[in-house]
Every structure is written in structure tokens, then in C-alpha cells.
N, C-alpha and C. Protein backbone atom coordinates (compact mmCIF):
# COMPACT_ATOMS: atom_id res chain seq x y z
N MET A 1 -10.17 -48.18 33.35
CA MET A 1 -9.24 -47.14 32.92
C MET A 1 -9.20 -47.09 31.39
N VAL A 2 -9.25 -45.86 30.84
CA VAL A 2 -9.26 -45.70 29.38
C VAL A 2 -7.82 -45.68 28.88
N ARG A 3 -7.57 -46.51 27.89
CA ARG A 3 -6.24 -46.58 27.27
C ARG A 3 -6.25 -45.78 25.95
N ALA A 4 -5.08 -45.31 25.55
CA ALA A 4 -4.97 -44.52 24.33
C ALA A 4 -5.43 -45.32 23.11
N TYR A 5 -5.15 -46.63 23.12
CA TYR A 5 -5.54 -47.44 21.97
C TYR A 5 -7.03 -47.77 21.96
N ASP A 6 -7.74 -47.45 23.01
CA ASP A 6 -9.18 -47.65 23.05
C ASP A 6 -9.97 -46.42 22.58
N LEU A 7 -9.27 -45.29 22.46
CA LEU A 7 -9.95 -44.05 22.07
C LEU A 7 -10.42 -44.14 20.63
N LYS A 8 -11.60 -43.63 20.36
CA LYS A 8 -12.18 -43.72 19.04
C LYS A 8 -13.01 -42.46 18.79
N ALA A 9 -12.97 -41.93 17.56
CA ALA A 9 -13.76 -40.75 17.22
C ALA A 9 -15.24 -41.11 17.27
N PRO A 10 -16.10 -40.19 17.68
CA PRO A 10 -17.54 -40.49 17.72
C PRO A 10 -18.07 -40.73 16.31
N ALA A 11 -19.20 -41.39 16.23
CA ALA A 11 -19.79 -41.73 14.93
C ALA A 11 -20.11 -40.47 14.14
N GLY A 12 -19.71 -40.46 12.87
CA GLY A 12 -19.98 -39.32 11.99
C GLY A 12 -18.91 -38.25 12.02
N ALA A 13 -17.94 -38.34 12.92
CA ALA A 13 -16.89 -37.33 13.02
C ALA A 13 -15.89 -37.47 11.88
N ARG A 14 -15.72 -38.69 11.38
CA ARG A 14 -14.76 -38.90 10.29
C ARG A 14 -15.49 -39.60 9.14
N PRO A 15 -16.16 -38.81 8.28
CA PRO A 15 -16.93 -39.42 7.19
C PRO A 15 -16.00 -40.10 6.18
N LYS A 16 -16.54 -41.11 5.51
CA LYS A 16 -15.76 -41.85 4.52
C LYS A 16 -15.53 -40.98 3.30
N ARG A 17 -14.38 -41.17 2.66
CA ARG A 17 -14.03 -40.45 1.45
C ARG A 17 -14.92 -40.92 0.30
N LYS A 18 -15.39 -39.99 -0.53
CA LYS A 18 -16.23 -40.35 -1.67
C LYS A 18 -15.35 -40.95 -2.77
N ARG A 19 -15.58 -42.19 -3.10
CA ARG A 19 -14.79 -42.87 -4.14
C ARG A 19 -15.62 -42.89 -5.41
N VAL A 20 -15.19 -42.08 -6.39
CA VAL A 20 -15.96 -41.96 -7.62
C VAL A 20 -15.34 -42.83 -8.71
N GLY A 21 -16.17 -43.15 -9.71
CA GLY A 21 -15.69 -43.94 -10.84
C GLY A 21 -15.42 -45.38 -10.48
N ARG A 22 -16.19 -45.94 -9.56
CA ARG A 22 -15.97 -47.34 -9.14
C ARG A 22 -17.19 -48.20 -9.47
N GLY A 23 -17.86 -47.86 -10.58
CA GLY A 23 -18.99 -48.68 -11.02
C GLY A 23 -20.32 -48.05 -10.66
N ASN A 24 -21.36 -48.42 -11.44
CA ASN A 24 -22.68 -47.81 -11.24
C ASN A 24 -23.33 -48.24 -9.94
N ALA A 25 -22.96 -49.33 -9.38
CA ALA A 25 -23.56 -49.78 -8.12
C ALA A 25 -23.24 -48.81 -6.99
N SER A 26 -22.13 -48.11 -7.11
CA SER A 26 -21.75 -47.17 -6.06
C SER A 26 -22.57 -45.89 -6.11
N GLY A 27 -23.22 -45.65 -7.23
CA GLY A 27 -23.96 -44.41 -7.39
C GLY A 27 -23.11 -43.30 -7.99
N HIS A 28 -21.81 -43.53 -8.12
CA HIS A 28 -20.90 -42.53 -8.69
C HIS A 28 -20.08 -43.15 -9.80
N GLY A 29 -20.74 -43.94 -10.65
CA GLY A 29 -20.04 -44.56 -11.78
C GLY A 29 -20.21 -43.73 -13.03
N THR A 30 -20.01 -44.33 -14.18
CA THR A 30 -20.14 -43.74 -15.51
C THR A 30 -19.45 -42.38 -15.63
N TYR A 31 -20.09 -41.27 -15.26
CA TYR A 31 -19.45 -39.96 -15.44
C TYR A 31 -18.68 -39.52 -14.19
N ALA A 32 -18.76 -40.28 -13.14
CA ALA A 32 -17.96 -40.04 -11.92
C ALA A 32 -18.11 -38.63 -11.39
N THR A 33 -19.35 -38.14 -11.31
CA THR A 33 -19.72 -36.81 -10.78
C THR A 33 -19.14 -35.65 -11.57
N LYS A 34 -18.63 -35.90 -12.80
CA LYS A 34 -18.04 -34.82 -13.59
C LYS A 34 -19.01 -34.27 -14.63
N GLY A 35 -20.24 -34.75 -14.65
CA GLY A 35 -21.17 -34.29 -15.67
C GLY A 35 -20.82 -34.89 -17.01
N LEU A 36 -21.29 -34.26 -18.10
CA LEU A 36 -20.98 -34.77 -19.43
C LEU A 36 -19.65 -34.22 -19.91
N LYS A 37 -19.45 -34.27 -21.22
CA LYS A 37 -18.13 -33.94 -21.77
C LYS A 37 -17.72 -32.48 -21.51
N GLY A 38 -16.52 -32.17 -21.87
CA GLY A 38 -16.02 -30.81 -21.75
C GLY A 38 -14.67 -30.78 -21.08
N GLN A 39 -14.08 -29.59 -21.02
CA GLN A 39 -12.73 -29.44 -20.50
C GLN A 39 -12.61 -29.91 -19.05
N LYS A 40 -13.63 -29.61 -18.26
CA LYS A 40 -13.55 -29.97 -16.84
C LYS A 40 -13.85 -31.44 -16.58
N ALA A 41 -14.36 -32.16 -17.60
CA ALA A 41 -14.62 -33.59 -17.43
C ALA A 41 -13.40 -34.42 -17.79
N ARG A 42 -12.41 -33.82 -18.47
CA ARG A 42 -11.23 -34.57 -18.92
C ARG A 42 -10.20 -34.68 -17.80
N SER A 43 -9.23 -35.52 -18.01
CA SER A 43 -8.15 -35.63 -17.03
C SER A 43 -7.28 -34.39 -17.16
N GLY A 44 -6.62 -34.03 -16.11
CA GLY A 44 -5.76 -32.86 -16.14
C GLY A 44 -6.36 -31.70 -15.37
N GLY A 45 -7.60 -31.82 -14.93
CA GLY A 45 -8.13 -30.87 -13.96
C GLY A 45 -8.74 -29.60 -14.48
N GLY A 46 -8.64 -29.30 -15.78
CA GLY A 46 -9.27 -28.09 -16.28
C GLY A 46 -8.38 -26.88 -16.23
N PRO A 47 -8.96 -25.70 -16.46
CA PRO A 47 -8.16 -24.47 -16.56
C PRO A 47 -7.62 -24.02 -15.20
N ASN A 48 -6.72 -23.04 -15.26
CA ASN A 48 -6.15 -22.47 -14.03
C ASN A 48 -7.24 -21.78 -13.22
N PRO A 49 -7.04 -21.64 -11.92
CA PRO A 49 -8.06 -21.00 -11.08
C PRO A 49 -8.37 -19.55 -11.50
N TRP A 50 -7.40 -18.85 -12.12
CA TRP A 50 -7.62 -17.45 -12.49
C TRP A 50 -8.18 -17.32 -13.92
N PHE A 51 -8.37 -18.43 -14.61
CA PHE A 51 -8.91 -18.37 -15.97
C PHE A 51 -10.40 -18.04 -15.92
N GLU A 52 -10.82 -17.06 -16.74
CA GLU A 52 -12.20 -16.60 -16.69
C GLU A 52 -12.91 -16.88 -18.01
N GLY A 53 -12.60 -18.01 -18.64
CA GLY A 53 -13.32 -18.41 -19.84
C GLY A 53 -13.01 -17.57 -21.06
N GLY A 54 -11.86 -16.95 -21.11
CA GLY A 54 -11.50 -16.12 -22.25
C GLY A 54 -11.74 -14.64 -21.99
N GLN A 55 -12.55 -14.32 -20.98
CA GLN A 55 -12.73 -12.92 -20.59
C GLN A 55 -11.41 -12.41 -20.02
N ASN A 56 -11.17 -11.12 -20.18
CA ASN A 56 -9.93 -10.54 -19.65
C ASN A 56 -9.86 -10.76 -18.14
N ARG A 57 -8.72 -11.21 -17.67
CA ARG A 57 -8.58 -11.56 -16.26
C ARG A 57 -8.76 -10.34 -15.36
N LEU A 58 -9.20 -10.58 -14.14
CA LEU A 58 -9.42 -9.52 -13.17
C LEU A 58 -8.16 -8.68 -12.98
N VAL A 59 -7.02 -9.34 -12.88
CA VAL A 59 -5.77 -8.61 -12.62
C VAL A 59 -5.41 -7.69 -13.78
N LYS A 60 -5.90 -7.99 -14.98
CA LYS A 60 -5.62 -7.12 -16.13
C LYS A 60 -6.69 -6.04 -16.29
N ARG A 61 -7.82 -6.19 -15.57
CA ARG A 61 -8.89 -5.19 -15.67
C ARG A 61 -8.73 -4.06 -14.67
N LEU A 62 -7.91 -4.25 -13.65
CA LEU A 62 -7.80 -3.25 -12.59
C LEU A 62 -6.76 -2.19 -12.97
N PRO A 63 -7.16 -0.95 -13.12
CA PRO A 63 -6.22 0.07 -13.57
C PRO A 63 -5.14 0.40 -12.57
N HIS A 64 -5.42 0.24 -11.25
CA HIS A 64 -4.41 0.62 -10.27
C HIS A 64 -3.22 -0.33 -10.24
N LEU A 65 -3.28 -1.43 -10.97
CA LEU A 65 -2.14 -2.34 -11.00
C LEU A 65 -1.26 -2.11 -12.23
N ARG A 66 -1.57 -1.06 -13.00
CA ARG A 66 -0.78 -0.82 -14.20
C ARG A 66 0.41 0.07 -13.87
N GLY A 67 1.33 0.17 -14.81
CA GLY A 67 2.48 1.03 -14.64
C GLY A 67 3.53 0.40 -13.75
N PHE A 68 4.34 1.24 -13.13
CA PHE A 68 5.41 0.75 -12.29
C PHE A 68 5.65 1.72 -11.15
N THR A 69 6.44 1.31 -10.17
CA THR A 69 6.79 2.17 -9.04
C THR A 69 8.25 2.59 -9.20
N ASN A 70 8.48 3.88 -9.20
CA ASN A 70 9.83 4.39 -9.33
C ASN A 70 10.56 4.22 -8.00
N ILE A 71 11.54 3.33 -7.96
CA ILE A 71 12.24 3.05 -6.70
C ILE A 71 13.24 4.15 -6.35
N PHE A 72 13.49 5.07 -7.27
CA PHE A 72 14.45 6.15 -7.01
C PHE A 72 13.76 7.45 -6.59
N LYS A 73 12.43 7.43 -6.42
CA LYS A 73 11.68 8.63 -6.08
C LYS A 73 12.07 9.11 -4.68
N THR A 74 12.22 10.42 -4.52
CA THR A 74 12.50 11.01 -3.22
C THR A 74 11.18 11.43 -2.59
N ASP A 75 10.91 10.91 -1.42
CA ASP A 75 9.67 11.22 -0.71
C ASP A 75 9.97 12.32 0.31
N TYR A 76 9.37 13.50 0.13
CA TYR A 76 9.66 14.65 0.99
C TYR A 76 8.63 14.79 2.10
N ALA A 77 9.06 15.36 3.21
CA ALA A 77 8.15 15.81 4.27
C ALA A 77 7.74 17.22 3.86
N ILE A 78 6.45 17.44 3.66
CA ILE A 78 5.95 18.69 3.08
C ILE A 78 5.53 19.67 4.18
N VAL A 79 5.95 20.92 4.02
CA VAL A 79 5.53 22.00 4.92
C VAL A 79 5.11 23.18 4.05
N ASN A 80 3.98 23.80 4.36
CA ASN A 80 3.51 24.96 3.60
C ASN A 80 3.87 26.25 4.32
N ILE A 81 3.95 27.34 3.53
CA ILE A 81 4.28 28.66 4.06
C ILE A 81 3.28 29.09 5.14
N GLY A 82 2.01 28.78 4.93
CA GLY A 82 0.97 29.14 5.90
C GLY A 82 1.20 28.48 7.26
N GLN A 83 1.73 27.26 7.25
CA GLN A 83 2.03 26.56 8.51
C GLN A 83 3.19 27.25 9.24
N LEU A 84 4.18 27.72 8.48
CA LEU A 84 5.32 28.43 9.09
C LEU A 84 4.84 29.74 9.73
N GLU A 85 3.91 30.42 9.07
CA GLU A 85 3.35 31.68 9.58
C GLU A 85 2.71 31.46 10.96
N ARG A 86 1.94 30.37 11.11
CA ARG A 86 1.25 30.10 12.38
C ARG A 86 2.19 29.60 13.47
N ALA A 87 3.23 28.83 13.09
CA ALA A 87 4.03 28.12 14.09
C ALA A 87 5.24 28.90 14.61
N PHE A 88 5.74 29.88 13.85
CA PHE A 88 6.99 30.53 14.24
C PHE A 88 6.82 32.04 14.39
N ALA A 89 7.59 32.60 15.33
CA ALA A 89 7.57 34.05 15.55
C ALA A 89 8.50 34.73 14.55
N ALA A 90 8.32 36.04 14.38
CA ALA A 90 9.15 36.79 13.44
C ALA A 90 10.61 36.73 13.84
N GLY A 91 11.49 36.57 12.86
CA GLY A 91 12.93 36.53 13.11
C GLY A 91 13.46 35.17 13.54
N SER A 92 12.60 34.16 13.68
CA SER A 92 13.10 32.85 14.11
C SER A 92 13.74 32.10 12.95
N GLU A 93 14.60 31.16 13.34
CA GLU A 93 15.25 30.30 12.34
C GLU A 93 14.47 28.99 12.27
N VAL A 94 14.06 28.65 11.08
CA VAL A 94 13.26 27.44 10.86
C VAL A 94 14.17 26.37 10.28
N THR A 95 14.44 25.35 11.08
CA THR A 95 15.28 24.22 10.65
C THR A 95 14.42 22.95 10.70
N PRO A 96 14.88 21.86 10.10
CA PRO A 96 14.13 20.60 10.22
C PRO A 96 13.89 20.20 11.68
N GLU A 97 14.87 20.44 12.54
CA GLU A 97 14.71 20.11 13.96
C GLU A 97 13.60 20.97 14.59
N ALA A 98 13.54 22.26 14.22
CA ALA A 98 12.51 23.14 14.74
C ALA A 98 11.12 22.73 14.21
N LEU A 99 11.08 22.21 12.99
CA LEU A 99 9.80 21.75 12.42
C LEU A 99 9.29 20.53 13.16
N VAL A 100 10.21 19.63 13.56
CA VAL A 100 9.82 18.46 14.35
C VAL A 100 9.31 18.91 15.72
N ALA A 101 10.01 19.87 16.33
CA ALA A 101 9.61 20.38 17.65
C ALA A 101 8.23 21.06 17.58
N ALA A 102 7.92 21.69 16.43
CA ALA A 102 6.63 22.38 16.27
C ALA A 102 5.54 21.42 15.77
N HIS A 103 5.88 20.14 15.62
CA HIS A 103 4.95 19.10 15.15
C HIS A 103 4.42 19.36 13.74
N LEU A 104 5.25 19.97 12.89
CA LEU A 104 4.85 20.18 11.50
C LEU A 104 5.29 19.02 10.62
N ILE A 105 6.34 18.32 11.03
CA ILE A 105 6.75 17.08 10.37
C ILE A 105 6.95 16.02 11.45
N PRO A 106 6.76 14.73 11.13
CA PRO A 106 6.81 13.71 12.17
C PRO A 106 8.22 13.41 12.69
N ASN A 107 9.21 13.41 11.80
CA ASN A 107 10.57 13.07 12.21
C ASN A 107 11.56 13.58 11.17
N LEU A 108 12.83 13.26 11.36
CA LEU A 108 13.87 13.75 10.45
C LEU A 108 14.29 12.70 9.42
N LYS A 109 13.46 11.67 9.21
CA LYS A 109 13.84 10.60 8.28
C LYS A 109 13.78 11.03 6.83
N ARG A 110 12.85 11.96 6.50
CA ARG A 110 12.71 12.38 5.11
C ARG A 110 13.20 13.81 4.95
N PRO A 111 13.71 14.18 3.76
CA PRO A 111 14.10 15.57 3.52
C PRO A 111 12.87 16.48 3.53
N VAL A 112 13.08 17.74 3.84
CA VAL A 112 11.97 18.70 3.99
C VAL A 112 11.84 19.54 2.72
N LYS A 113 10.60 19.69 2.25
CA LYS A 113 10.32 20.57 1.12
C LYS A 113 9.28 21.59 1.55
N VAL A 114 9.56 22.86 1.26
CA VAL A 114 8.65 23.94 1.62
C VAL A 114 7.86 24.34 0.37
N LEU A 115 6.53 24.32 0.49
CA LEU A 115 5.65 24.70 -0.62
C LEU A 115 4.98 26.04 -0.33
N GLY A 116 4.46 26.69 -1.37
CA GLY A 116 3.99 28.08 -1.26
C GLY A 116 2.54 28.28 -0.93
N ASP A 117 1.86 27.31 -0.33
CA ASP A 117 0.45 27.49 -0.01
C ASP A 117 0.31 28.32 1.26
N GLY A 118 -0.45 29.42 1.20
CA GLY A 118 -0.64 30.30 2.35
C GLY A 118 0.12 31.60 2.17
N ALA A 119 0.03 32.45 3.19
CA ALA A 119 0.68 33.77 3.13
C ALA A 119 1.70 33.87 4.25
N LEU A 120 2.76 34.63 4.01
CA LEU A 120 3.80 34.82 5.01
C LEU A 120 4.01 36.33 5.21
N THR A 121 3.87 36.79 6.47
CA THR A 121 4.06 38.21 6.76
C THR A 121 5.28 38.45 7.64
N LYS A 122 5.88 37.38 8.16
CA LYS A 122 7.02 37.50 9.07
C LYS A 122 8.31 37.18 8.33
N ALA A 123 9.39 37.84 8.74
CA ALA A 123 10.71 37.53 8.17
C ALA A 123 11.26 36.31 8.89
N LEU A 124 11.41 35.19 8.17
CA LEU A 124 11.93 33.96 8.76
C LEU A 124 13.16 33.51 8.01
N ALA A 125 14.11 32.94 8.74
CA ALA A 125 15.28 32.33 8.11
C ALA A 125 14.99 30.83 8.01
N VAL A 126 14.65 30.39 6.81
CA VAL A 126 14.21 29.02 6.62
C VAL A 126 15.34 28.19 6.03
N ARG A 127 15.62 27.05 6.67
CA ARG A 127 16.64 26.11 6.17
C ARG A 127 15.93 24.79 5.88
N ALA A 128 15.86 24.42 4.59
CA ALA A 128 15.20 23.19 4.18
C ALA A 128 15.95 22.58 3.01
N ASN A 129 15.58 21.35 2.64
CA ASN A 129 16.27 20.66 1.55
C ASN A 129 15.83 21.15 0.18
N LYS A 130 14.55 21.56 0.07
CA LYS A 130 14.05 21.97 -1.23
C LYS A 130 12.91 22.96 -1.05
N TYR A 131 12.71 23.82 -2.07
CA TYR A 131 11.66 24.82 -2.06
C TYR A 131 10.95 24.84 -3.40
N SER A 132 9.66 25.18 -3.37
CA SER A 132 8.99 25.47 -4.64
C SER A 132 9.32 26.92 -4.97
N ALA A 133 9.15 27.29 -6.24
CA ALA A 133 9.46 28.66 -6.67
C ALA A 133 8.59 29.67 -5.92
N ALA A 134 7.31 29.33 -5.72
CA ALA A 134 6.38 30.24 -5.02
C ALA A 134 6.80 30.41 -3.57
N ALA A 135 7.29 29.36 -2.93
CA ALA A 135 7.70 29.45 -1.53
C ALA A 135 8.92 30.36 -1.39
N LYS A 136 9.89 30.19 -2.29
CA LYS A 136 11.09 31.04 -2.23
C LYS A 136 10.71 32.51 -2.41
N GLU A 137 9.80 32.76 -3.34
CA GLU A 137 9.38 34.14 -3.62
C GLU A 137 8.67 34.74 -2.41
N LYS A 138 7.79 33.99 -1.75
CA LYS A 138 7.05 34.51 -0.60
C LYS A 138 7.96 34.77 0.60
N ILE A 139 8.96 33.90 0.79
CA ILE A 139 9.91 34.09 1.91
C ILE A 139 10.72 35.36 1.67
N ALA A 140 11.19 35.54 0.43
CA ALA A 140 11.98 36.73 0.09
C ALA A 140 11.13 38.01 0.19
N THR A 141 9.89 37.96 -0.24
CA THR A 141 8.99 39.11 -0.18
C THR A 141 8.73 39.54 1.26
N ALA A 142 8.66 38.57 2.17
CA ALA A 142 8.41 38.87 3.59
C ALA A 142 9.66 39.36 4.29
N GLY A 143 10.81 39.36 3.59
CA GLY A 143 12.05 39.85 4.19
C GLY A 143 12.90 38.76 4.82
N GLY A 144 12.55 37.53 4.60
CA GLY A 144 13.33 36.43 5.16
C GLY A 144 14.30 35.87 4.14
N ARG A 145 14.92 34.74 4.48
CA ARG A 145 15.83 34.11 3.53
C ARG A 145 15.58 32.60 3.49
N ALA A 146 15.71 32.04 2.31
CA ALA A 146 15.51 30.61 2.10
C ALA A 146 16.86 29.97 1.78
N GLU A 147 17.33 29.14 2.67
CA GLU A 147 18.65 28.51 2.50
C GLU A 147 18.46 27.01 2.27
N GLU A 148 19.04 26.51 1.18
CA GLU A 148 18.93 25.08 0.89
C GLU A 148 20.05 24.34 1.61
N ILE A 149 19.68 23.27 2.30
CA ILE A 149 20.69 22.45 2.97
C ILE A 149 20.78 21.14 2.23
N SER A 150 21.96 20.55 2.27
CA SER A 150 22.14 19.27 1.57
C SER A 150 21.52 18.15 2.39
N ARG A 151 21.13 17.10 1.71
CA ARG A 151 20.52 15.96 2.38
C ARG A 151 21.61 15.12 3.01
N ALA A 152 21.58 15.02 4.33
CA ALA A 152 22.64 14.28 5.03
C ALA A 152 22.14 12.94 5.49
């Protein structure tokens, strides 16, 4: 019967630790595998892992890491006038809920902004949080109305 105290790792599974600087007879004496002089041969381990020998660090060379992120930015769900033309019939009321139902915006988590890309030929009553100047003009020209709703 095999006992737990009789178990042993197979030969070569646990190699011995390399002990450097223990005399020339060991084969790792004198310079102790550190080569000749220099910063990396001294005690203290050498430069930081991100040090590149005086060259500008990678993190400082990447342009996309510059600047800052504005935490107060409002992220809008965008809808274009051309999308309203295709999705809604003349005389309909376009609300954020109707936009979700028409699959023009994913959900009601973000405020809705209407932009002026495309043409509008139908009179629509559009209710959104924000409009571009071109979008307001196109809605009015088509005989509809653009009503701004507050962000709730």
C-alpha cells in the first residue's frame, strides 16, 4: 500500500535552484552570471521594467493616451432626419418610445438628438431632447413641428 509520506516527484520534475556567486568551482563564481560591469551587474537590480535606456517610454509615445476624458460629457442617442422619413408615416408623433419601437435607438437610457442628415417630405411631430439647426429647419419646412423635451 502506498503511503502519502512515500510519494516522491519523478526524477527531473523538481530541478535544483541555481546558486550563483558561490565560488569558481560551481561554475557560477566571479561574475555570478551577471557579465561584466554596468548597471545591471550592480546590486539593486537595475532599471525599472518600463525604462527604455533613455528613449522616450512607450506610454509617452502613444498619441491616443494623451489628453483627458470629459466626465461631464452628455452621450446622445443619434437619429437622422432620413431615418425618420423611412420609419414613420405622415402625421405621426415621433417620441423616444416610438424610436425604440421602430428600432432606431436601442433603449431610453440616453437622451435623443435629431440630426439633419437626409431629406424629410412628411409632416411629423417630433419630440426629442435636442436638435441640430439643420434638423429643426427640415422638420419645419416639411410642415411638422420639433418639440424639445427635458431630460428626465
